């Protein structure tokens, strides 16, 4: 006879997620980074700002919306970085065509 074991956390999923990830501080840093990249205009400053964005995105738990606090800025930060990547790709392509 085989035995089947199951386990369930003893607390609500949202509370468990909050105990595993810094859901209270991650959004503030993400918003500060969004402000920083908006204010960075020189190429070197923008590169450094988006490098910080990438490091911060690595810590995003990418949880389902029901487990995240309201207004979680993870998607907004990813969109900003994707836009930056597209911008860089466009600049490289323009330089290659112009060469």
PDB file of N, CA and C in Angstrom:
ATOM      1  N   UNK A   1       0.840  -1.167   0.000  1.00  0.00           N
ATOM      2  CA  UNK A   1       0.000   0.000   0.000  1.00  0.00           C
ATOM      3  C   UNK A   1       0.893   1.240   0.000  1.00  0.00           C
ATOM      4  N   UNK A   2       0.672   2.133  -0.939  1.00  0.00           N
ATOM      5  CA  UNK A   2       1.467   3.360  -0.993  1.00  0.00           C
ATOM      6  C   UNK A   2       0.809   4.438  -0.151  1.00  0.00           C
ATOM      7  N   UNK A   3       1.644   5.286   0.386  1.00  0.00           N
ATOM      8  CA  UNK A   3       1.138   6.375   1.206  1.00  0.00           C
ATOM      9  C   UNK A   3       1.269   7.680   0.436  1.00  0.00           C
ATOM     10  N   UNK A   4       0.347   8.544   0.630  1.00  0.00           N
ATOM     11  CA  UNK A   4       0.364   9.850  -0.024  1.00  0.00           C
ATOM     12  C   UNK A   4       0.465  10.913   1.062  1.00  0.00           C
ATOM     13  N   UNK A   5       1.449  11.766   0.908  1.00  0.00           N
ATOM     14  CA  UNK A   5       1.645  12.836   1.876  1.00  0.00           C
ATOM     15  C   UNK A   5       1.381  14.175   1.205  1.00  0.00           C
ATOM     16  N   UNK A   6       0.729  15.027   1.899  1.00  0.00           N
ATOM     17  CA  UNK A   6       0.520  16.385   1.414  1.00  0.00           C
ATOM     18  C   UNK A   6       0.869  17.344   2.537  1.00  0.00           C
ATOM     19  N   UNK A   7       1.240  18.525   2.153  1.00  0.00           N
ATOM     20  CA  UNK A   7       1.548  19.553   3.146  1.00  0.00           C
ATOM     21  C   UNK A   7       0.966  20.870   2.673  1.00  0.00           C
ATOM     22  N   UNK A   8       0.454  21.598   3.601  1.00  0.00           N
ATOM     23  CA  UNK A   8      -0.078  22.923   3.300  1.00  0.00           C
ATOM     24  C   UNK A   8       0.428  23.882   4.360  1.00  0.00           C
ATOM     25  N   UNK A   9       0.790  25.086   3.940  1.00  0.00           N
ATOM     26  CA  UNK A   9       1.227  26.066   4.933  1.00  0.00           C
ATOM     27  C   UNK A   9       0.124  26.336   5.949  1.00  0.00           C
ATOM     28  N   UNK A  10       0.532  26.635   7.149  1.00  0.00           N
ATOM     29  CA  UNK A  10      -0.425  26.888   8.202  1.00  0.00           C
ATOM     30  C   UNK A  10      -0.942  28.319   8.230  1.00  0.00           C
ATOM     31  N   UNK A  11      -0.570  29.130   7.256  1.00  0.00           N
ATOM     32  CA  UNK A  11      -1.037  30.518   7.223  1.00  0.00           C
ATOM     33  C   UNK A  11      -1.469  30.881   5.808  1.00  0.00           C
ATOM     34  N   UNK A  12      -2.167  31.984   5.653  1.00  0.00           N
ATOM     35  CA  UNK A  12      -2.655  32.380   4.321  1.00  0.00           C
ATOM     36  C   UNK A  12      -1.496  32.582   3.338  1.00  0.00           C
ATOM     37  N   UNK A  13      -1.720  32.266   2.065  1.00  0.00           N
ATOM     38  CA  UNK A  13      -0.660  32.398   1.055  1.00  0.00           C
ATOM     39  C   UNK A  13      -0.019  33.784   1.002  1.00  0.00           C
ATOM     40  N   UNK A  14      -0.814  34.825   1.137  1.00  0.00           N
ATOM     41  CA  UNK A  14      -0.269  36.186   1.065  1.00  0.00           C
ATOM     42  C   UNK A  14       0.690  36.447   2.226  1.00  0.00           C
ATOM     43  N   UNK A  15       0.359  35.977   3.408  1.00  0.00           N
ATOM     44  CA  UNK A  15       1.241  36.129   4.568  1.00  0.00           C
ATOM     45  C   UNK A  15       2.521  35.326   4.385  1.00  0.00           C
ATOM     46  N   UNK A  16       2.382  34.135   3.836  1.00  0.00           N
ATOM     47  CA  UNK A  16       3.557  33.298   3.589  1.00  0.00           C
ATOM     48  C   UNK A  16       4.492  33.981   2.588  1.00  0.00           C
ATOM     49  N   UNK A  17       3.937  34.514   1.500  1.00  0.00           N
ATOM     50  CA  UNK A  17       4.759  35.214   0.492  1.00  0.00           C
ATOM     51  C   UNK A  17       5.481  36.405   1.120  1.00  0.00           C
ATOM     52  N   UNK A  18       4.787  37.138   1.970  1.00  0.00           N
ATOM     53  CA  UNK A  18       5.393  38.310   2.617  1.00  0.00           C
ATOM     54  C   UNK A  18       6.523  37.908   3.565  1.00  0.00           C
ATOM     55  N   UNK A  19       6.468  36.688   4.078  1.00  0.00           N
ATOM     56  CA  UNK A  19       7.545  36.233   4.961  1.00  0.00           C
ATOM     57  C   UNK A  19       8.753  35.716   4.173  1.00  0.00           C
ATOM     58  N   UNK A  20       8.554  35.385   2.914  1.00  0.00           N
ATOM     59  CA  UNK A  20       9.637  34.824   2.093  1.00  0.00           C
ATOM     60  C   UNK A  20      10.367  35.869   1.248  1.00  0.00           C
ATOM     61  N   UNK A  21       9.683  36.955   0.896  1.00  0.00           N
ATOM     62  CA  UNK A  21      10.273  37.989   0.056  1.00  0.00           C
ATOM     63  C   UNK A  21      10.059  39.359   0.694  1.00  0.00           C
ATOM     64  N   UNK A  22      10.903  40.311   0.359  1.00  0.00           N
ATOM     65  CA  UNK A  22      10.768  41.655   0.950  1.00  0.00           C
ATOM     66  C   UNK A  22       9.685  42.482   0.236  1.00  0.00           C
ATOM     67  N   UNK A  23       8.459  42.016   0.341  1.00  0.00           N
ATOM     68  CA  UNK A  23       7.365  42.661  -0.379  1.00  0.00           C
ATOM     69  C   UNK A  23       7.063  44.059   0.137  1.00  0.00           C
ATOM     70  N   UNK A  24       7.571  44.386   1.309  1.00  0.00           N
ATOM     71  CA  UNK A  24       7.323  45.723   1.853  1.00  0.00           C
ATOM     72  C   UNK A  24       8.350  46.749   1.382  1.00  0.00           C
ATOM     73  N   UNK A  25       9.559  46.310   1.004  1.00  0.00           N
ATOM     74  CA  UNK A  25      10.603  47.258   0.596  1.00  0.00           C
ATOM     75  C   UNK A  25      10.906  47.235  -0.898  1.00  0.00           C
ATOM     76  N   UNK A  26      10.678  46.130  -1.564  1.00  0.00           N
ATOM     77  CA  UNK A  26      11.020  46.003  -2.983  1.00  0.00           C
ATOM     78  C   UNK A  26      10.340  47.081  -3.830  1.00  0.00           C
ATOM     79  N   UNK A  27       9.055  47.355  -3.634  1.00  0.00           N
ATOM     80  CA  UNK A  27       8.394  48.361  -4.480  1.00  0.00           C
ATOM     81  C   UNK A  27       8.993  49.761  -4.358  1.00  0.00           C
ATOM     82  N   UNK A  28       9.394  50.168  -3.169  1.00  0.00           N
ATOM     83  CA  UNK A  28       9.954  51.513  -2.999  1.00  0.00           C
ATOM     84  C   UNK A  28      11.252  51.653  -3.785  1.00  0.00           C
ATOM     85  N   UNK A  29      12.079  50.620  -3.757  1.00  0.00           N
ATOM     86  CA  UNK A  29      13.328  50.657  -4.527  1.00  0.00           C
ATOM     87  C   UNK A  29      13.021  50.687  -6.019  1.00  0.00           C
ATOM     88  N   UNK A  30      12.042  49.899  -6.442  1.00  0.00           N
ATOM     89  CA  UNK A  30      11.665  49.877  -7.864  1.00  0.00           C
ATOM     90  C   UNK A  30      11.196  51.254  -8.322  1.00  0.00           C
ATOM     91  N   UNK A  31      10.384  51.901  -7.509  1.00  0.00           N
ATOM     92  CA  UNK A  31       9.889  53.242  -7.881  1.00  0.00           C
ATOM     93  C   UNK A  31      11.029  54.264  -7.909  1.00  0.00           C
ATOM     94  N   UNK A  32      11.943  54.138  -6.969  1.00  0.00           N
ATOM     95  CA  UNK A  32      13.105  55.038  -6.961  1.00  0.00           C
ATOM     96  C   UNK A  32      13.947  54.827  -8.215  1.00  0.00           C
ATOM     97  N   UNK A  33      14.083  53.592  -8.631  1.00  0.00           N
ATOM     98  CA  UNK A  33      14.838  53.309  -9.863  1.00  0.00           C
ATOM     99  C   UNK A  33      14.116  53.863 -11.085  1.00  0.00           C
ATOM    100  N   UNK A  34      12.797  53.750 -11.117  1.00  0.00           N
ATOM    101  CA  UNK A  34      12.042  54.328 -12.232  1.00  0.00           C
ATOM    102  C   UNK A  34      12.258  55.836 -12.301  1.00  0.00           C
ATOM    103  N   UNK A  35      12.264  56.501 -11.146  1.00  0.00           N
ATOM    104  CA  UNK A  35      12.536  57.942 -11.118  1.00  0.00           C
ATOM    105  C   UNK A  35      13.960  58.230 -11.590  1.00  0.00           C
ATOM    106  N   UNK A  36      14.890  57.390 -11.151  1.00  0.00           N
ATOM    107  CA  UNK A  36      16.298  57.595 -11.503  1.00  0.00           C
ATOM    108  C   UNK A  36      16.520  57.447 -13.010  1.00  0.00           C
ATOM    109  N   UNK A  37      15.936  56.416 -13.616  1.00  0.00           N
ATOM    110  CA  UNK A  37      16.139  56.243 -15.060  1.00  0.00           C
ATOM    111  C   UNK A  37      15.460  57.360 -15.842  1.00  0.00           C
ATOM    112  N   UNK A  38      14.365  57.898 -15.317  1.00  0.00           N
ATOM    113  CA  UNK A  38      13.698  59.017 -16.002  1.00  0.00           C
ATOM    114  C   UNK A  38      14.560  60.270 -15.976  1.00  0.00           C
ATOM    115  N   UNK A  39      15.380  60.413 -14.930  1.00  0.00           N
ATOM    116  CA  UNK A  39      16.235  61.598 -14.798  1.00  0.00           C
ATOM    117  C   UNK A  39      17.616  61.423 -15.420  1.00  0.00           C
ATOM    118  N   UNK A  40      17.969  60.204 -15.794  1.00  0.00           N
ATOM    119  CA  UNK A  40      19.293  59.944 -16.373  1.00  0.00           C
ATOM    120  C   UNK A  40      19.240  60.240 -17.874  1.00  0.00           C
ATOM    121  N   UNK A  41      20.101  61.150 -18.336  1.00  0.00           N
ATOM    122  CA  UNK A  41      20.054  61.539 -19.741  1.00  0.00           C
ATOM    123  C   UNK A  41      21.339  61.202 -20.498  1.00  0.00           C
ATOM    124  N   UNK A  42      22.459  61.240 -19.824  1.00  0.00           N
ATOM    125  CA  UNK A  42      23.709  60.895 -20.500  1.00  0.00           C
ATOM    126  C   UNK A  42      23.784  59.378 -20.662  1.00  0.00           C
ATOM    127  N   UNK A  43      24.350  58.899 -21.775  1.00  0.00           N
ATOM    128  CA  UNK A  43      24.413  57.448 -22.010  1.00  0.00           C
ATOM    129  C   UNK A  43      25.037  56.658 -20.858  1.00  0.00           C
ATOM    130  N   UNK A  44      26.119  57.141 -20.284  1.00  0.00           N
ATOM    131  CA  UNK A  44      26.763  56.403 -19.189  1.00  0.00           C
ATOM    132  C   UNK A  44      25.869  56.355 -17.955  1.00  0.00           C
ATOM    133  N   UNK A  45      25.180  57.449 -17.684  1.00  0.00           N
ATOM    134  CA  UNK A  45      24.263  57.482 -16.539  1.00  0.00           C
ATOM    135  C   UNK A  45      23.085  56.533 -16.757  1.00  0.00           C
ATOM    136  N   UNK A  46      22.590  56.509 -17.971  1.00  0.00           N
ATOM    137  CA  UNK A  46      21.464  55.620 -18.284  1.00  0.00           C
ATOM    138  C   UNK A  46      21.881  54.158 -18.188  1.00  0.00           C
ATOM    139  N   UNK A  47      23.076  53.848 -18.693  1.00  0.00           N
ATOM    140  CA  UNK A  47      23.566  52.471 -18.608  1.00  0.00           C
ATOM    141  C   UNK A  47      23.693  52.033 -17.146  1.00  0.00           C
ATOM    142  N   UNK A  48      24.263  52.877 -16.318  1.00  0.00           N
ATOM    143  CA  UNK A  48      24.413  52.556 -14.896  1.00  0.00           C
ATOM    144  C   UNK A  48      23.047  52.406 -14.224  1.00  0.00           C
ATOM    145  N   UNK A  49      22.111  53.281 -14.565  1.00  0.00           N
ATOM    146  CA  UNK A  49      20.776  53.203 -13.968  1.00  0.00           C
ATOM    147  C   UNK A  49      20.070  51.910 -14.365  1.00  0.00           C
ATOM    148  N   UNK A  50      20.172  51.548 -15.631  1.00  0.00           N
ATOM    149  CA  UNK A  50      19.502  50.326 -16.068  1.00  0.00           C
ATOM    150  C   UNK A  50      20.224  49.074 -15.581  1.00  0.00           C
ATOM    151  N   UNK A  51      21.513  49.161 -15.326  1.00  0.00           N
ATOM    152  CA  UNK A  51      22.201  48.034 -14.684  1.00  0.00           C
ATOM    153  C   UNK A  51      21.629  47.810 -13.285  1.00  0.00           C
ATOM    154  N   UNK A  52      21.343  48.888 -12.572  1.00  0.00           N
ATOM    155  CA  UNK A  52      20.714  48.772 -11.253  1.00  0.00           C
ATOM    156  C   UNK A  52      19.301  48.198 -11.376  1.00  0.00           C
ATOM    157  N   UNK A  53      18.599  48.573 -12.435  1.00  0.00           N
ATOM    158  CA  UNK A  53      17.257  48.021 -12.679  1.00  0.00           C
ATOM    159  C   UNK A  53      17.344  46.514 -12.859  1.00  0.00           C
ATOM    160  N   UNK A  54      18.294  46.055 -13.672  1.00  0.00           N
ATOM    161  CA  UNK A  54      18.440  44.614 -13.902  1.00  0.00           C
ATOM    162  C   UNK A  54      18.733  43.894 -12.591  1.00  0.00           C
ATOM    163  N   UNK A  55      19.644  44.440 -11.786  1.00  0.00           N
ATOM    164  CA  UNK A  55      19.945  43.808 -10.490  1.00  0.00           C
ATOM    165  C   UNK A  55      18.697  43.729  -9.621  1.00  0.00           C
ATOM    166  N   UNK A  56      17.902  44.785  -9.640  1.00  0.00           N
ATOM    167  CA  UNK A  56      16.699  44.786  -8.813  1.00  0.00           C
ATOM    168  C   UNK A  56      15.660  43.805  -9.349  1.00  0.00           C
ATOM    169  N   UNK A  57      15.540  43.716 -10.658  1.00  0.00           N
ATOM    170  CA  UNK A  57      14.576  42.779 -11.237  1.00  0.00           C
ATOM    171  C   UNK A  57      14.918  41.329 -10.890  1.00  0.00           C
ATOM    172  N   UNK A  58      16.185  41.052 -10.691  1.00  0.00           N
ATOM    173  CA  UNK A  58      16.571  39.689 -10.299  1.00  0.00           C
ATOM    174  C   UNK A  58      15.987  39.300  -8.940  1.00  0.00           C
ATOM    175  N   UNK A  59      15.651  40.281  -8.126  1.00  0.00           N
ATOM    176  CA  UNK A  59      15.072  40.022  -6.806  1.00  0.00           C
ATOM    177  C   UNK A  59      13.542  40.063  -6.813  1.00  0.00           C
ATOM    178  N   UNK A  60      12.942  40.335  -7.973  1.00  0.00           N
ATOM    179  CA  UNK A  60      11.477  40.358  -8.065  1.00  0.00           C
ATOM    180  C   UNK A  60      10.979  38.918  -7.972  1.00  0.00           C
ATOM    181  N   UNK A  61      10.114  38.602  -7.007  1.00  0.00           N
ATOM    182  CA  UNK A  61       9.652  37.222  -6.888  1.00  0.00           C
ATOM    183  C   UNK A  61       8.694  36.796  -7.997  1.00  0.00           C
ATOM    184  N   UNK A  62       8.192  37.719  -8.802  1.00  0.00           N
ATOM    185  CA  UNK A  62       7.278  37.444  -9.914  1.00  0.00           C
ATOM    186  C   UNK A  62       6.150  36.510  -9.453  1.00  0.00           C
ATOM    187  N   UNK A  63       5.488  36.943  -8.403  1.00  0.00           N
ATOM    188  CA  UNK A  63       4.371  36.186  -7.848  1.00  0.00           C
ATOM    189  C   UNK A  63       3.076  36.531  -8.577  1.00  0.00           C
ATOM    190  N   UNK A  64       2.077  35.669  -8.456  1.00  0.00           N
ATOM    191  CA  UNK A  64       0.765  36.011  -9.015  1.00  0.00           C
ATOM    192  C   UNK A  64       0.232  37.286  -8.353  1.00  0.00           C
ATOM    193  N   UNK A  65      -0.537  38.076  -9.072  1.00  0.00           N
ATOM    194  CA  UNK A  65      -1.028  39.348  -8.534  1.00  0.00           C
ATOM    195  C   UNK A  65      -1.715  39.220  -7.174  1.00  0.00           C
ATOM    196  N   UNK A  66      -2.411  38.146  -6.929  1.00  0.00           N
ATOM    197  CA  UNK A  66      -3.115  37.981  -5.664  1.00  0.00           C
ATOM    198  C   UNK A  66      -2.207  37.872  -4.458  1.00  0.00           C
ATOM    199  N   UNK A  67      -0.923  37.613  -4.681  1.00  0.00           N
ATOM    200  CA  UNK A  67       0.025  37.492  -3.579  1.00  0.00           C
ATOM    201  C   UNK A  67       0.873  38.742  -3.399  1.00  0.00           C
ATOM    202  N   UNK A  68       0.712  39.701  -4.297  1.00  0.00           N
ATOM    203  CA  UNK A  68       1.514  40.926  -4.250  1.00  0.00           C
ATOM    204  C   UNK A  68       0.717  42.073  -3.641  1.00  0.00           C
ATOM    205  N   UNK A  69       1.413  43.013  -3.028  1.00  0.00           N
ATOM    206  CA  UNK A  69       0.720  44.212  -2.551  1.00  0.00           C
ATOM    207  C   UNK A  69       0.152  45.001  -3.741  1.00  0.00           C
ATOM    208  N   UNK A  70      -0.866  45.769  -3.489  1.00  0.00           N
ATOM    209  CA  UNK A  70      -1.474  46.593  -4.545  1.00  0.00           C
ATOM    210  C   UNK A  70      -0.432  47.553  -5.113  1.00  0.00           C
ATOM    211  N   UNK A  71      -0.487  47.768  -6.413  1.00  0.00           N
ATOM    212  CA  UNK A  71       0.420  48.715  -7.058  1.00  0.00           C
ATOM    213  C   UNK A  71       1.836  48.206  -7.242  1.00  0.00           C
ATOM    214  N   UNK A  72       2.045  46.894  -7.247  1.00  0.00           N
ATOM    215  CA  UNK A  72       3.381  46.325  -7.409  1.00  0.00           C
ATOM    216  C   UNK A  72       3.988  46.807  -8.718  1.00  0.00           C
ATOM    217  N   UNK A  73       5.179  47.446  -8.703  1.00  0.00           N
ATOM    218  CA  UNK A  73       5.741  48.060  -9.903  1.00  0.00           C
ATOM    219  C   UNK A  73       6.651  47.146 -10.737  1.00  0.00           C
ATOM    220  N   UNK A  74       6.604  45.854 -10.510  1.00  0.00           N
ATOM    221  CA  UNK A  74       7.475  44.940 -11.250  1.00  0.00           C
ATOM    222  C   UNK A  74       7.285  45.009 -12.755  1.00  0.00           C
ATOM    223  N   UNK A  75       6.045  44.967 -13.202  1.00  0.00           N
ATOM    224  CA  UNK A  75       5.778  45.014 -14.644  1.00  0.00           C
ATOM    225  C   UNK A  75       6.231  46.344 -15.238  1.00  0.00           C
ATOM    226  N   UNK A  76       5.995  47.426 -14.528  1.00  0.00           N
ATOM    227  CA  UNK A  76       6.412  48.750 -15.011  1.00  0.00           C
ATOM    228  C   UNK A  76       7.933  48.834 -15.149  1.00  0.00           C
ATOM    229  N   UNK A  77       8.640  48.250 -14.211  1.00  0.00           N
ATOM    230  CA  UNK A  77      10.107  48.255 -14.264  1.00  0.00           C
ATOM    231  C   UNK A  77      10.604  47.402 -15.434  1.00  0.00           C
ATOM    232  N   UNK A  78       9.960  46.257 -15.662  1.00  0.00           N
ATOM    233  CA  UNK A  78      10.343  45.409 -16.796  1.00  0.00           C
ATOM    234  C   UNK A  78      10.065  46.105 -18.126  1.00  0.00           C
ATOM    235  N   UNK A  79       8.953  46.813 -18.218  1.00  0.00           N
ATOM    236  CA  UNK A  79       8.625  47.552 -19.447  1.00  0.00           C
ATOM    237  C   UNK A  79       9.665  48.648 -19.695  1.00  0.00           C
ATOM    238  N   UNK A  80      10.050  49.360 -18.648  1.00  0.00           N
ATOM    239  CA  UNK A  80      11.057  50.417 -18.808  1.00  0.00           C
ATOM    240  C   UNK A  80      12.367  49.832 -19.326  1.00  0.00           C
ATOM    241  N   UNK A  81      12.770  48.690 -18.781  1.00  0.00           N
ATOM    242  CA  UNK A  81      14.012  48.068 -19.235  1.00  0.00           C
ATOM    243  C   UNK A  81      13.882  47.554 -20.666  1.00  0.00           C
ATOM    244  N   UNK A  82      12.751  46.981 -21.008  1.00  0.00           N
ATOM    245  CA  UNK A  82      12.525  46.508 -22.380  1.00  0.00           C
ATOM    246  C   UNK A  82      12.575  47.678 -23.364  1.00  0.00           C
ATOM    247  N   UNK A  83      11.989  48.794 -22.993  1.00  0.00           N
ATOM    248  CA  UNK A  83      12.041  49.989 -23.855  1.00  0.00           C
ATOM    249  C   UNK A  83      13.484  50.446 -24.054  1.00  0.00           C
ATOM    250  N   UNK A  84      14.266  50.405 -22.977  1.00  0.00           N
ATOM    251  CA  UNK A  84      15.677  50.790 -23.066  1.00  0.00           C
ATOM    252  C   UNK A  84      16.428  49.837 -24.000  1.00  0.00           C
ATOM    253  N   UNK A  85      16.171  48.553 -23.878  1.00  0.00           N
ATOM    254  CA  UNK A  85      16.815  47.584 -24.776  1.00  0.00           C
ATOM    255  C   UNK A  85      16.461  47.880 -26.235  1.00  0.00           C
ATOM    256  N   UNK A  86      15.198  48.132 -26.505  1.00  0.00           N
ATOM    257  CA  UNK A  86      14.769  48.441 -27.874  1.00  0.00           C
ATOM    258  C   UNK A  86      15.448  49.697 -28.395  1.00  0.00           C
ATOM    259  N   UNK A  87      15.567  50.682 -27.522  1.00  0.00           N
ATOM    260  CA  UNK A  87      16.241  51.926 -27.902  1.00  0.00           C
ATOM    261  C   UNK A  87      17.697  51.647 -28.290  1.00  0.00           C
ATOM    262  N   UNK A  88      18.380  50.868 -27.478  1.00  0.00           N
ATOM    263  CA  UNK A  88      19.778  50.540 -27.781  1.00  0.00           C
ATOM    264  C   UNK A  88      19.900  49.754 -29.082  1.00  0.00           C
ATOM    265  N   UNK A  89      19.019  48.810 -29.277  1.00  0.00           N
ATOM    266  CA  UNK A  89      19.036  48.017 -30.515  1.00  0.00           C
ATOM    267  C   UNK A  89      18.823  48.931 -31.716  1.00  0.00           C
ATOM    268  N   UNK A  90      17.888  49.871 -31.601  1.00  0.00           N
ATOM    269  CA  UNK A  90      17.640  50.820 -32.690  1.00  0.00           C
ATOM    270  C   UNK A  90      18.861  51.673 -32.990  1.00  0.00           C
ATOM    271  N   UNK A  91      19.569  52.107 -31.940  1.00  0.00           N
ATOM    272  CA  UNK A  91      20.767  52.911 -32.149  1.00  0.00           C
ATOM    273  C   UNK A  91      21.865  52.105 -32.833  1.00  0.00           C
ATOM    274  N   UNK A  92      22.027  50.861 -32.431  1.00  0.00           N
ATOM    275  CA  UNK A  92      23.052  50.010 -33.057  1.00  0.00           C
ATOM    276  C   UNK A  92      22.716  49.776 -34.512  1.00  0.00           C
ATOM    277  N   UNK A  93      21.458  49.473 -34.793  1.00  0.00           N
ATOM    278  CA  UNK A  93      21.054  49.239 -36.184  1.00  0.00           C
ATOM    279  C   UNK A  93      21.264  50.489 -37.035  1.00  0.00           C
ATOM    280  N   UNK A  94      20.960  51.653 -36.484  1.00  0.00           N
ATOM    281  CA  UNK A  94      21.149  52.905 -37.233  1.00  0.00           C
ATOM    282  C   UNK A  94      22.618  53.134 -37.526  1.00  0.00           C
ATOM    283  N   UNK A  95      23.481  52.844 -36.574  1.00  0.00           N
ATOM    284  CA  UNK A  95      24.921  53.021 -36.794  1.00  0.00           C
ATOM    285  C   UNK A  95      25.460  52.032 -37.823  1.00  0.00           C
ATOM    286  N   UNK A  96      24.946  50.807 -37.780  1.00  0.00           N
ATOM    287  CA  UNK A  96      25.404  49.798 -38.734  1.00  0.00           C
ATOM    288  C   UNK A  96      24.972  50.202 -40.156  1.00  0.00           C
ATOM    289  N   UNK A  97      23.760  50.684 -40.296  1.00  0.00           N
ATOM    290  CA  UNK A  97      23.268  51.124 -41.606  1.00  0.00           C
ATOM    291  C   UNK A  97      24.044  52.325 -42.108  1.00  0.00           C
ATOM    292  N   UNK A  98      24.427  53.204 -41.170  1.00  0.00           N
ATOM    293  CA  UNK A  98      25.136  54.433 -41.551  1.00  0.00           C
ATOM    294  C   UNK A  98      26.624  54.204 -41.825  1.00  0.00           C
ATOM    295  N   UNK A  99      27.147  53.055 -41.432  1.00  0.00           N
ATOM    296  CA  UNK A  99      28.572  52.799 -41.598  1.00  0.00           C
ATOM    297  C   UNK A  99      28.929  52.385 -42.996  1.00  0.00           C
TER     298      UNK A  99
END
